C-alpha atoms as a PDB file:
ATOM      1  CA  MET A   1     122.191 109.644 125.502  1.00  0.00           C
ATOM      2  CA  ALA A   2     121.555 113.280 127.034  1.00  0.00           C
ATOM      3  CA  ALA A   3     123.636 116.131 124.793  1.00  0.00           C
ATOM      4  CA  VAL A   4     123.440 119.376 127.427  1.00  0.00           C
ATOM      5  CA  LYS A   5     123.995 122.259 125.904  1.00  0.00           C
ATOM      6  CA  ASP A   6     123.429 125.387 128.162  1.00  0.00           C
ATOM      7  CA  ASP A   7     119.899 125.297 129.729  1.00  0.00           C
ATOM      8  CA  PHE A   8     118.432 122.557 127.188  1.00  0.00           C
ATOM      9  CA  ILE A   9     118.485 118.636 127.828  1.00  0.00           C
ATOM     10  CA  SER A  10     118.826 117.311 124.147  1.00  0.00           C
ATOM     11  CA  LEU A  11     117.005 113.693 124.285  1.00  0.00           C
ATOM     12  CA  THR A  12     114.575 111.190 122.148  1.00  0.00           C
ATOM     13  CA  ASP A  13     111.173 111.676 122.153  1.00  0.00           C
ATOM     14  CA  PRO A  14     110.757 108.347 123.799  1.00  0.00           C
ATOM     15  CA  CYS A  15     113.430 109.168 126.580  1.00  0.00           C
ATOM     16  CA  VAL A  16     111.859 112.349 127.347  1.00  0.00           C
ATOM     17  CA  LEU A  17     108.334 110.898 127.660  1.00  0.00           C
ATOM     18  CA  ALA A  18     110.028 107.988 130.485  1.00  0.00           C
ATOM     19  CA  VAL A  19     111.902 111.280 132.317  1.00  0.00           C
ATOM     20  CA  VAL A  20     108.786 113.535 132.530  1.00  0.00           C
ATOM     21  CA  GLY A  21     107.051 110.085 133.736  1.00  0.00           C
ATOM     22  CA  PRO A  22     103.062 109.072 133.663  1.00  0.00           C
ATOM     23  CA  SER A  23     101.225 112.623 133.374  1.00  0.00           C
ATOM     24  CA  GLU A  24     103.893 114.284 133.798  1.00  0.00           C
ATOM     25  CA  ARG A  25     104.447 113.211 137.689  1.00  0.00           C
ATOM     26  CA  TYR A  26     108.132 112.816 137.638  1.00  0.00           C
ATOM     27  CA  LEU A  27     108.913 116.315 136.070  1.00  0.00           C
ATOM     28  CA  ALA A  28     106.275 117.822 138.622  1.00  0.00           C
ATOM     29  CA  MET A  29     108.759 116.765 141.137  1.00  0.00           C
ATOM     30  CA  ILE A  30     112.081 117.942 139.860  1.00  0.00           C
ATOM     31  CA  GLU A  31     110.344 121.536 139.609  1.00  0.00           C
ATOM     32  CA  GLY A  32     108.871 121.516 143.023  1.00  0.00           C
ATOM     33  CA  ALA A  33     111.858 120.272 144.337  1.00  0.00           C
ATOM     34  CA  PHE A  34     114.544 122.552 142.574  1.00  0.00           C
ATOM     35  CA  LYS A  35     111.973 124.990 142.222  1.00  0.00           C
ATOM     36  CA  VAL A  36     112.875 125.483 138.120  1.00  0.00           C
ATOM     37  CA  LEU A  37     110.102 125.476 135.516  1.00  0.00           C
ATOM     38  CA  VAL A  38     110.950 122.545 133.118  1.00  0.00           C
ATOM     39  CA  GLU A  39     109.858 122.977 129.532  1.00  0.00           C
ATOM     40  CA  MET A  40     109.033 120.218 126.273  1.00  0.00           C
ATOM     41  CA  PRO A  41     109.950 122.662 123.125  1.00  0.00           C
ATOM     42  CA  GLY A  42     110.730 119.548 121.372  1.00  0.00           C
ATOM     43  CA  GLY A  43     114.139 117.247 120.810  1.00  0.00           C
ATOM     44  CA  GLY A  44     114.215 117.503 124.428  1.00  0.00           C
ATOM     45  CA  LEU A  45     113.803 119.930 127.594  1.00  0.00           C
ATOM     46  CA  VAL A  46     114.966 123.293 128.856  1.00  0.00           C
ATOM     47  CA  ILE A  47     115.410 124.515 132.803  1.00  0.00           C
ATOM     48  CA  SER A  48     114.375 128.233 133.560  1.00  0.00           C
ATOM     49  CA  GLY A  49     115.492 129.153 137.430  1.00  0.00           C
ATOM     50  CA  ASP A  50     118.386 130.242 139.377  1.00  0.00           C
ATOM     51  CA  ALA A  51     121.657 129.070 138.690  1.00  0.00           C
ATOM     52  CA  ARG A  52     122.152 126.822 141.362  1.00  0.00           C
ATOM     53  CA  ALA A  53     118.818 125.057 140.639  1.00  0.00           C
ATOM     54  CA  ARG A  54     118.775 124.824 137.472  1.00  0.00           C
ATOM     55  CA  GLN A  55     122.512 123.066 137.858  1.00  0.00           C
ATOM     56  CA  LYS A  56     120.955 120.249 140.005  1.00  0.00           C
ATOM     57  CA  ALA A  57     117.593 119.557 137.938  1.00  0.00           C
ATOM     58  CA  LYS A  58     120.030 119.427 134.433  1.00  0.00           C
ATOM     59  CA  ALA A  59     122.086 116.190 136.741  1.00  0.00           C
ATOM     60  CA  MET A  60     118.610 114.885 137.626  1.00  0.00           C
ATOM     61  CA  ILE A  61     117.685 114.648 134.435  1.00  0.00           C
ATOM     62  CA  VAL A  62     120.530 113.868 133.082  1.00  0.00           C
ATOM     63  CA  ALA A  63     120.646 111.033 135.601  1.00  0.00           C
ATOM     64  CA  LEU A  64     117.299 109.711 134.562  1.00  0.00           C
ATOM     65  CA  ALA A  65     118.214 109.855 130.853  1.00  0.00           C
ATOM     66  CA  ASP A  66     121.265 107.743 131.776  1.00  0.00           C
ATOM     67  CA  MET A  67     118.640 105.206 133.667  1.00  0.00           C
ATOM     68  CA  TYR A  68     116.332 105.148 130.306  1.00  0.00           C
ATOM     69  CA  ASP A  69     119.420 104.473 128.286  1.00  0.00           C
ATOM     70  CA  GLN A  70     120.215 101.150 130.053  1.00  0.00           C
ATOM     71  CA  GLY A  71     117.018  99.879 130.046  1.00  0.00           C
ATOM     72  CA  VAL A  72     115.966 100.318 133.835  1.00  0.00           C
ATOM     73  CA  ASP A  73     112.377 100.856 133.919  1.00  0.00           C
ATOM     74  CA  ILE A  74     112.231 104.109 135.351  1.00  0.00           C
ATOM     75  CA  ALA A  75     109.830 104.570 138.781  1.00  0.00           C
ATOM     76  CA  GLU A  76     108.627 107.096 140.788  1.00  0.00           C
ATOM     77  CA  ALA A  77     111.053 105.798 143.823  1.00  0.00           C
ATOM     78  CA  ASP A  78     113.811 106.047 141.154  1.00  0.00           C
ATOM     79  CA  VAL A  79     113.244 109.847 141.000  1.00  0.00           C
ATOM     80  CA  ARG A  80     112.670 110.730 144.861  1.00  0.00           C
ATOM     81  CA  ARG A  81     115.854 109.015 146.032  1.00  0.00           C
ATOM     82  CA  LEU A  82     117.520 110.812 143.349  1.00  0.00           C
ATOM     83  CA  ILE A  83     116.296 113.961 144.559  1.00  0.00           C
ATOM     84  CA  ASN A  84     117.515 113.155 148.036  1.00  0.00           C
ATOM     85  CA  GLN A  85     120.984 112.007 147.031  1.00  0.00           C
ATOM     86  CA  PRO A  86     123.929 114.028 148.793  1.00  0.00           C
ATOM     87  CA  GLN A  87     125.487 115.544 145.619  1.00  0.00           C
ATOM     88  CA  LEU A  88     121.758 117.543 145.106  1.00  0.00           C
ATOM     89  CA  THR A  89     120.679 118.297 148.837  1.00  0.00           C
ATOM     90  CA  GLY A  90     124.361 119.431 149.482  1.00  0.00           C
ATOM     91  CA  GLY A  91     124.638 121.848 146.443  1.00  0.00           C
ATOM     92  CA  LYS A  92     127.227 120.191 145.305  1.00  0.00           C
ATOM     93  CA  SER A  93     127.263 119.394 141.424  1.00  0.00           C
ATOM     94  CA  GLU A  94     128.883 116.089 140.833  1.00  0.00           C
ATOM     95  CA  LYS A  95     127.451 113.781 138.157  1.00  0.00           C
ATOM     96  CA  LEU A  96     124.513 111.810 139.184  1.00  0.00           C
ATOM     97  CA  GLN A  97     124.252 108.377 137.384  1.00  0.00           C
ATOM     98  CA  SER A  98     121.026 106.455 139.883  1.00  0.00           C
ATOM     99  CA  ALA A  99     120.325 105.637 143.698  1.00  0.00           C
ATOM    100  CA  VAL A 100     122.346 103.073 142.538  1.00  0.00           C
ATOM    101  CA  PRO A 101     125.154 103.023 140.097  1.00  0.00           C
ATOM    102  CA  LEU A 102     124.167 101.366 137.507  1.00  0.00           C
ATOM    103  CA  ASP A 103     127.437  99.100 137.464  1.00  0.00           C
ATOM    104  CA  GLN A 104     126.150  97.709 140.809  1.00  0.00           C
ATOM    105  CA  ARG A 105     122.312  97.483 140.185  1.00  0.00           C
ATOM    106  CA  ASN A 106     122.919  93.806 139.297  1.00  0.00           C
ATOM    107  CA  THR A 107     120.264  94.024 136.381  1.00  0.00           C
ATOM    108  CA  ILE A 108     118.587  90.563 136.732  1.00  0.00           C
ATOM    109  CA  VAL A 109     115.960  89.452 134.231  1.00  0.00           C
ATOM    110  CA  MET A 110     114.316  91.773 131.474  1.00  0.00           C
ATOM    111  CA  GLY A 111     110.709  91.771 132.080  1.00  0.00           C
ATOM    112  CA  ARG A 112     107.538  93.353 130.299  1.00  0.00           C
ATOM    113  CA  HIS A 113     108.390  97.384 130.754  1.00  0.00           C
ATOM    114  CA  GLY A 114     112.550  97.099 131.165  1.00  0.00           C
ATOM    115  CA  ALA A 115     114.946  95.914 132.768  1.00  0.00           C
ATOM    116  CA  ILE A 116     114.189  94.739 136.710  1.00  0.00           C
ATOM    117  CA  ALA A 117     117.338  95.826 138.839  1.00  0.00           C
ATOM    118  CA  ALA A 118     117.953  97.007 142.794  1.00  0.00           C
ATOM    119  CA  LYS A 119     116.417 100.331 142.556  1.00  0.00           C
ATOM    120  CA  THR A 120     118.195 100.779 146.250  1.00  0.00           C
ATOM    121  CA  ALA A 121     121.720 100.645 148.244  1.00  0.00           C
ATOM    122  CA  GLY A 122     119.510  97.715 150.321  1.00  0.00           C
ATOM    123  CA  GLN A 123     118.088  95.820 147.015  1.00  0.00           C
ATOM    124  CA  ALA A 124     121.624  95.757 145.657  1.00  0.00           C
ATOM    125  CA  ALA A 125     122.950  93.868 148.744  1.00  0.00           C
ATOM    126  CA  TYR A 126     119.977  92.003 148.421  1.00  0.00           C
ATOM    127  CA  ILE A 127     120.703  90.709 144.957  1.00  0.00           C
ATOM    128  CA  HIS A 128     124.094  90.023 145.830  1.00  0.00           C
ATOM    129  CA  GLU A 129     123.323  88.141 148.577  1.00  0.00           C
ATOM    130  CA  LEU A 130     120.840  86.081 145.973  1.00  0.00           C
ATOM    131  CA  THR A 131     123.868  85.133 143.559  1.00  0.00           C
ATOM    132  CA  THR A 132     126.076  84.077 146.637  1.00  0.00           C
ATOM    133  CA  ASN A 133     124.450  82.166 148.595  1.00  0.00           C
ATOM    134  CA  ASP A 134     121.680  78.300 147.994  1.00  0.00           C
ATOM    135  CA  LEU A 135     119.767  79.915 150.888  1.00  0.00           C
ATOM    136  CA  VAL A 136     119.325  83.453 151.743  1.00  0.00           C
ATOM    137  CA  PHE A 137     116.448  84.665 154.113  1.00  0.00           C
ATOM    138  CA  ALA A 138     115.160  88.706 152.870  1.00  0.00           C
ATOM    139  CA  LEU A 139     113.742  90.613 155.881  1.00  0.00           C
ATOM    140  CA  GLY A 140     112.015  93.452 155.298  1.00  0.00           C
ATOM    141  CA  PRO A 141     108.592  95.909 155.180  1.00  0.00           C
ATOM    142  CA  ALA A 142     105.637  95.568 153.016  1.00  0.00           C
ATOM    143  CA  GLY A 143     107.052  96.835 149.532  1.00  0.00           C
ATOM    144  CA  SER A 144     110.857  96.982 150.137  1.00  0.00           C
ATOM    145  CA  GLY A 145     110.879  94.502 146.756  1.00  0.00           C
ATOM    146  CA  LYS A 146     112.001  91.342 149.055  1.00  0.00           C
ATOM    147  CA  THR A 147     109.521  88.933 147.048  1.00  0.00           C
ATOM    148  CA  PHE A 148     109.370  90.422 144.107  1.00  0.00           C
ATOM    149  CA  LEU A 149     113.211  90.495 143.257  1.00  0.00           C
ATOM    150  CA  ALA A 150     113.261  87.059 144.751  1.00  0.00           C
ATOM    151  CA  VAL A 151     110.134  85.952 141.979  1.00  0.00           C
ATOM    152  CA  ALA A 152     112.635  87.873 139.396  1.00  0.00           C
ATOM    153  CA  HIS A 153     115.612  86.102 140.114  1.00  0.00           C
ATOM    154  CA  GLY A 154     114.180  82.649 140.355  1.00  0.00           C
ATOM    155  CA  VAL A 155     112.622  83.708 136.869  1.00  0.00           C
ATOM    156  CA  SER A 156     115.701  84.168 135.540  1.00  0.00           C
ATOM    157  CA  LEU A 157     117.170  81.058 136.916  1.00  0.00           C
ATOM    158  CA  LEU A 158     114.375  79.147 135.064  1.00  0.00           C
ATOM    159  CA  LEU A 159     114.915  80.939 131.606  1.00  0.00           C
ATOM    160  CA  LYS A 160     119.006  80.241 130.910  1.00  0.00           C
ATOM    161  CA  GLY A 161     117.850  76.525 132.381  1.00  0.00           C
ATOM    162  CA  ALA A 162     120.198  77.510 135.421  1.00  0.00           C
ATOM    163  CA  VAL A 163     116.991  75.314 137.392  1.00  0.00           C
ATOM    164  CA  ASP A 164     114.176  72.832 136.267  1.00  0.00           C
ATOM    165  CA  LYS A 165     111.304  74.861 137.919  1.00  0.00           C
ATOM    166  CA  LEU A 166     110.332  77.499 140.171  1.00  0.00           C
ATOM    167  CA  ILE A 167     108.427  76.966 143.129  1.00  0.00           C
ATOM    168  CA  ILE A 168     106.624  79.744 145.447  1.00  0.00           C
ATOM    169  CA  THR A 169     105.064  78.597 148.639  1.00  0.00           C
ATOM    170  CA  ARG A 170     103.621  80.426 151.855  1.00  0.00           C
ATOM    171  CA  PRO A 171     101.544  79.754 154.954  1.00  0.00           C
ATOM    172  CA  ALA A 172      98.281  80.100 155.246  1.00  0.00           C
ATOM    173  CA  VAL A 173      98.039  82.276 157.987  1.00  0.00           C
ATOM    174  CA  GLU A 174      96.313  86.081 157.921  1.00  0.00           C
ATOM    175  CA  ALA A 175      95.441  88.083 160.412  1.00  0.00           C
ATOM    176  CA  GLY A 176      91.714  87.266 161.396  1.00  0.00           C
ATOM    177  CA  GLU A 177      90.860  84.330 159.007  1.00  0.00           C
ATOM    178  CA  ARG A 178      91.048  80.619 158.966  1.00  0.00           C
ATOM    179  CA  LEU A 179      90.967  78.777 155.636  1.00  0.00           C
ATOM    180  CA  GLY A 180      88.074  76.522 156.780  1.00  0.00           C
ATOM    181  CA  PHE A 181      85.552  79.183 156.390  1.00  0.00           C
ATOM    182  CA  LEU A 182      86.502  80.253 153.121  1.00  0.00           C
ATOM    183  CA  PRO A 183      84.379  78.652 150.074  1.00  0.00           C
ATOM    184  CA  GLY A 184      86.143  75.642 148.033  1.00  0.00           C
ATOM    185  CA  ASP A 185      88.427  73.472 148.024  1.00  0.00           C
ATOM    186  CA  LEU A 186      91.929  73.739 149.068  1.00  0.00           C
ATOM    187  CA  ASN A 187      93.113  74.930 146.108  1.00  0.00           C
ATOM    188  CA  GLU A 188      90.454  77.774 145.814  1.00  0.00           C
ATOM    189  CA  LYS A 189      90.997  78.544 149.651  1.00  0.00           C
ATOM    190  CA  ILE A 190      94.519  79.213 149.076  1.00  0.00           C
ATOM    191  CA  ASP A 191      94.485  81.031 145.520  1.00  0.00           C
ATOM    192  CA  PRO A 192      93.768  84.595 147.253  1.00  0.00           C
ATOM    193  CA  TYR A 193      96.681  84.530 149.399  1.00  0.00           C
ATOM    194  CA  LEU A 194      98.643  83.815 146.078  1.00  0.00           C
ATOM    195  CA  THR A 195      97.657  86.773 144.035  1.00  0.00           C
ATOM    196  CA  PRO A 196     100.673  89.192 144.899  1.00  0.00           C
ATOM    197  CA  ILE A 197     102.904  86.181 143.723  1.00  0.00           C
ATOM    198  CA  TRP A 198     100.818  85.249 140.049  1.00  0.00           C
ATOM    199  CA  GLY A 199     100.794  89.590 139.844  1.00  0.00           C
ATOM    200  CA  ALA A 200     105.236  89.575 140.217  1.00  0.00           C
ATOM    201  CA  LEU A 201     104.977  86.434 137.638  1.00  0.00           C
ATOM    202  CA  ASP A 202     102.550  87.864 135.292  1.00  0.00           C
ATOM    203  CA  ASP A 203     104.591  91.675 135.522  1.00  0.00           C
ATOM    204  CA  ILE A 204     107.778  89.633 134.922  1.00  0.00           C
ATOM    205  CA  LEU A 205     106.887  87.033 132.188  1.00  0.00           C
ATOM    206  CA  GLY A 206     103.647  88.332 130.469  1.00  0.00           C
ATOM    207  CA  PRO A 207     100.322  86.618 130.844  1.00  0.00           C
ATOM    208  CA  GLN A 208     100.922  83.794 127.646  1.00  0.00           C
ATOM    209  CA  LEU A 209     104.830  82.868 128.706  1.00  0.00           C
ATOM    210  CA  LEU A 210     103.019  82.591 132.070  1.00  0.00           C
ATOM    211  CA  ALA A 211     100.152  80.099 131.464  1.00  0.00           C
ATOM    212  CA  LYS A 212     103.227  78.112 129.267  1.00  0.00           C
ATOM    213  CA  LYS A 213     105.334  77.514 132.060  1.00  0.00           C
ATOM    214  CA  ARG A 214     102.223  76.815 134.433  1.00  0.00           C
ATOM    215  CA  GLU A 215     101.125  74.349 131.825  1.00  0.00           C
ATOM    216  CA  THR A 216     104.279  72.521 131.721  1.00  0.00           C
ATOM    217  CA  ARG A 217     104.590  72.740 135.508  1.00  0.00           C
ATOM    218  CA  GLU A 218     108.118  74.435 135.304  1.00  0.00           C
ATOM    219  CA  ILE A 219     106.491  77.278 137.469  1.00  0.00           C
ATOM    220  CA  GLU A 220     104.409  76.090 140.606  1.00  0.00           C
ATOM    221  CA  VAL A 221     102.520  77.849 143.567  1.00  0.00           C
ATOM    222  CA  ALA A 222     101.382  76.145 146.221  1.00  0.00           C
ATOM    223  CA  PRO A 223     100.438  76.267 149.943  1.00  0.00           C
ATOM    224  CA  LEU A 224     103.263  74.951 152.206  1.00  0.00           C
ATOM    225  CA  ALA A 225     101.294  71.810 153.655  1.00  0.00           C
ATOM    226  CA  TYR A 226     101.798  70.531 149.245  1.00  0.00           C
ATOM    227  CA  MET A 227     105.900  70.943 150.289  1.00  0.00           C
ATOM    228  CA  ARG A 228     106.005  68.061 153.035  1.00  0.00           C
ATOM    229  CA  GLY A 229     107.447  64.789 151.983  1.00  0.00           C
ATOM    230  CA  ARG A 230     108.705  66.090 148.886  1.00  0.00           C
ATOM    231  CA  THR A 231     112.580  66.710 147.807  1.00  0.00           C
ATOM    232  CA  LEU A 232     113.159  69.721 146.091  1.00  0.00           C
ATOM    233  CA  SER A 233     115.717  69.080 143.403  1.00  0.00           C
ATOM    234  CA  TYR A 234     117.252  71.666 140.820  1.00  0.00           C
ATOM    235  CA  ALA A 235     114.311  74.113 141.397  1.00  0.00           C
ATOM    236  CA  TYR A 236     114.622  77.662 143.017  1.00  0.00           C
ATOM    237  CA  VAL A 237     112.564  77.524 145.803  1.00  0.00           C
ATOM    238  CA  ILE A 238     110.821  80.720 147.549  1.00  0.00           C
ATOM    239  CA  ILE A 239     109.001  80.847 151.006  1.00  0.00           C
ATOM    240  CA  ASP A 240     106.818  83.933 150.747  1.00  0.00           C
ATOM    241  CA  GLU A 241     105.373  85.252 153.947  1.00  0.00           C
ATOM    242  CA  ALA A 242     107.306  83.231 156.005  1.00  0.00           C
ATOM    243  CA  GLN A 243     107.140  84.957 159.658  1.00  0.00           C
ATOM    244  CA  ASN A 244     103.797  83.083 159.482  1.00  0.00           C
ATOM    245  CA  THR A 245     105.153  79.840 159.532  1.00  0.00           C
ATOM    246  CA  THR A 246     105.851  77.845 162.849  1.00  0.00           C
ATOM    247  CA  ARG A 247     109.343  76.587 163.727  1.00  0.00           C
ATOM    248  CA  MET A 248     108.270  72.802 162.401  1.00  0.00           C
ATOM    249  CA  GLN A 249     106.807  74.197 159.761  1.00  0.00           C
ATOM    250  CA  MET A 250     110.292  76.161 158.689  1.00  0.00           C
ATOM    251  CA  LYS A 251     112.438  72.932 159.780  1.00  0.00           C
ATOM    252  CA  MET A 252     110.149  70.659 157.520  1.00  0.00           C
ATOM    253  CA  ILE A 253     110.409  73.051 154.128  1.00  0.00           C
ATOM    254  CA  LEU A 254     114.071  74.017 154.798  1.00  0.00           C
ATOM    255  CA  THR A 255     115.458  70.412 155.122  1.00  0.00           C
ATOM    256  CA  ARG A 256     113.327  70.039 151.355  1.00  0.00           C
ATOM    257  CA  LEU A 257     116.388  71.562 149.490  1.00  0.00           C
ATOM    258  CA  GLY A 258     117.651  69.052 146.940  1.00  0.00           C
ATOM    259  CA  GLU A 259     120.519  69.019 144.537  1.00  0.00           C
ATOM    260  CA  GLY A 260     120.911  71.580 142.705  1.00  0.00           C
ATOM    261  CA  SER A 261     118.669  73.548 144.335  1.00  0.00           C
ATOM    262  CA  LYS A 262     118.326  77.176 145.835  1.00  0.00           C
ATOM    263  CA  MET A 263     115.568  78.505 148.418  1.00  0.00           C
ATOM    264  CA  VAL A 264     114.625  82.334 149.464  1.00  0.00           C
ATOM    265  CA  VAL A 265     112.949  82.567 152.369  1.00  0.00           C
ATOM    266  CA  THR A 266     110.817  86.056 152.542  1.00  0.00           C
ATOM    267  CA  GLY A 267     108.953  87.771 155.265  1.00  0.00           C
ATOM    268  CA  ASP A 268     108.593  90.677 157.714  1.00  0.00           C
ATOM    269  CA  PRO A 269     109.035  90.002 161.574  1.00  0.00           C
ATOM    270  CA  SER A 270     106.745  92.881 162.334  1.00  0.00           C
ATOM    271  CA  GLN A 271     103.955  91.064 160.915  1.00  0.00           C
ATOM    272  CA  ILE A 272     103.290  87.851 162.401  1.00  0.00           C
ATOM    273  CA  ASP A 273     100.226  86.935 162.399  1.00  0.00           C
ATOM    274  CA  LEU A 274     100.482  83.468 164.713  1.00  0.00           C
ATOM    275  CA  PRO A 275      98.723  83.903 167.969  1.00  0.00           C
ATOM    276  CA  ASN A 276     101.847  83.358 169.425  1.00  0.00           C
ATOM    277  CA  ARG A 277     104.404  85.800 168.012  1.00  0.00           C
ATOM    278  CA  GLY A 278     107.585  83.405 169.332  1.00  0.00           C
ATOM    279  CA  ASP A 279     106.348  80.472 167.320  1.00  0.00           C
ATOM    280  CA  SER A 280     107.621  82.201 164.555  1.00  0.00           C
ATOM    281  CA  GLY A 281     109.704  79.769 162.292  1.00  0.00           C
ATOM    282  CA  LEU A 282     111.569  82.801 160.695  1.00  0.00           C
ATOM    283  CA  VAL A 283     112.713  84.621 163.582  1.00  0.00           C
ATOM    284  CA  HIS A 284     114.206  81.002 165.132  1.00  0.00           C
ATOM    285  CA  ALA A 285     115.674  80.047 161.493  1.00  0.00           C
ATOM    286  CA  VAL A 286     117.370  83.366 161.052  1.00  0.00           C
ATOM    287  CA  HIS A 287     118.897  83.457 164.777  1.00  0.00           C
ATOM    288  CA  LEU A 288     119.629  79.488 164.872  1.00  0.00           C
ATOM    289  CA  LEU A 289     121.705  79.770 161.540  1.00  0.00           C
ATOM    290  CA  ASP A 290     122.909  83.185 161.299  1.00  0.00           C
ATOM    291  CA  GLN A 291     126.612  81.693 161.123  1.00  0.00           C
ATOM    292  CA  VAL A 292     125.880  78.489 159.055  1.00  0.00           C
ATOM    293  CA  GLU A 293     128.221  78.253 155.935  1.00  0.00           C
ATOM    294  CA  GLY A 294     126.187  78.866 152.623  1.00  0.00           C
ATOM    295  CA  VAL A 295     122.949  80.861 154.412  1.00  0.00           C
ATOM    296  CA  GLY A 296     122.768  84.355 153.660  1.00  0.00           C
ATOM    297  CA  LYS A 297     120.534  87.501 155.216  1.00  0.00           C
ATOM    298  CA  ALA A 298     119.282  90.537 153.260  1.00  0.00           C
ATOM    299  CA  GLU A 299     118.018  93.045 155.635  1.00  0.00           C
ATOM    300  CA  LEU A 300     115.648  95.767 153.758  1.00  0.00           C
ATOM    301  CA  LYS A 301     114.633  99.193 155.599  1.00  0.00           C
ATOM    302  CA  ALA A 302     112.001 101.585 155.117  1.00  0.00           C
ATOM    303  CA  GLU A 303     113.947 103.715 152.481  1.00  0.00           C
ATOM    304  CA  ASP A 304     114.389 100.854 150.146  1.00  0.00           C
ATOM    305  CA  ILE A 305     110.280 100.539 149.807  1.00  0.00           C
ATOM    306  CA  VAL A 306     109.472 101.389 146.120  1.00  0.00           C
ATOM    307  CA  ARG A 307     105.748 102.145 146.466  1.00  0.00           C
ATOM    308  CA  HIS A 308     103.838 105.062 147.010  1.00  0.00           C
ATOM    309  CA  ALA A 309     106.246 107.944 149.259  1.00  0.00           C
ATOM    310  CA  LEU A 310     103.583 107.808 152.175  1.00  0.00           C
ATOM    311  CA  VAL A 311     104.312 104.023 152.580  1.00  0.00           C
ATOM    312  CA  ALA A 312     107.707 104.824 153.785  1.00  0.00           C
ATOM    313  CA  ARG A 313     106.735 107.178 156.028  1.00  0.00           C
ATOM    314  CA  ILE A 314     103.853 105.370 157.635  1.00  0.00           C
ATOM    315  CA  VAL A 315     106.476 101.910 158.115  1.00  0.00           C
ATOM    316  CA  ARG A 316     109.161 104.484 159.804  1.00  0.00           C
ATOM    317  CA  ALA A 317     105.951 105.540 161.833  1.00  0.00           C
ATOM    318  CA  TYR A 318     105.181 102.535 163.515  1.00  0.00           C
ATOM    319  CA  ASP A 319     108.991 101.474 163.693  1.00  0.00           C
ATOM    320  CA  ASN A 320     109.518 104.456 165.979  1.00  0.00           C
ATOM    321  CA  GLU A 321     106.640 103.512 167.910  1.00  0.00           C
ATOM    322  CA  TYR A 322     107.813 100.141 168.737  1.00  0.00           C
ATOM    323  CA  LYS A 323     111.640 101.275 169.706  1.00  0.00           C
ATOM    324  CA  SER A 324     109.575 103.805 172.417  1.00  0.00           C
END
């Protein structure tokens, strides 16, 4: 809990470290945005500068401290979005809480580095779709959290015993590459394509628990071809990079859904690597199933990107070119 007296904000040492960020990067962002000087005399932070600027910086720091108290793992994306909130850019003095109000963040699960929750309004809407529908299509650019949040939600259901298995699959289609030219058997050929998935699982569960869940086959990551002929009951199924599925592949995987199962289909329609872009099973399925009961859709945008700030600007530049 942050206690504010004049221009001194009293914080615990762990909270100070979380607020100032790695190598004091978040602190530098706050100082640059509001043209203030923030010092750390011990026991908290002291702000110097113009009166209005100090007020904005204090609101910003208190909001970050509140997030820390809620167990949220503060990221650079949180700092950027707080800086750009109307309460600060418009000169108002309303108290901030977070880029997404904490009661709307829909915390999914506690990961290795803290609570995994929505960092943007778009992500909060996505989590709502995940919790209210048996089949969800998640569309959005790279870095918007569509795969990571789906994995986190699946892990939470697995740990609670709501499902027996977490199954993640994706088509083996990438720009300029064919599996036949890659060395090794099918598992070795497909493994590089699944690296982002293993990374997300490791980040959430940690290597030891992940290894245990893989050994007991509670977590399965496999190429799309392995799904044919199966009925996936009491499972949480994620189809990643689904923009590269064909229409027949998409119909095949959607009809694998069995009793007690849920499915999330993620993809970026602007990144189709199929020879004929019109063959994308994702685009077709989203249109075909738009009004089907029990099917949800979440559309993440550039503002939902939680990677480097430059990534969002790159995505917007490409989007603008396609629209022109």
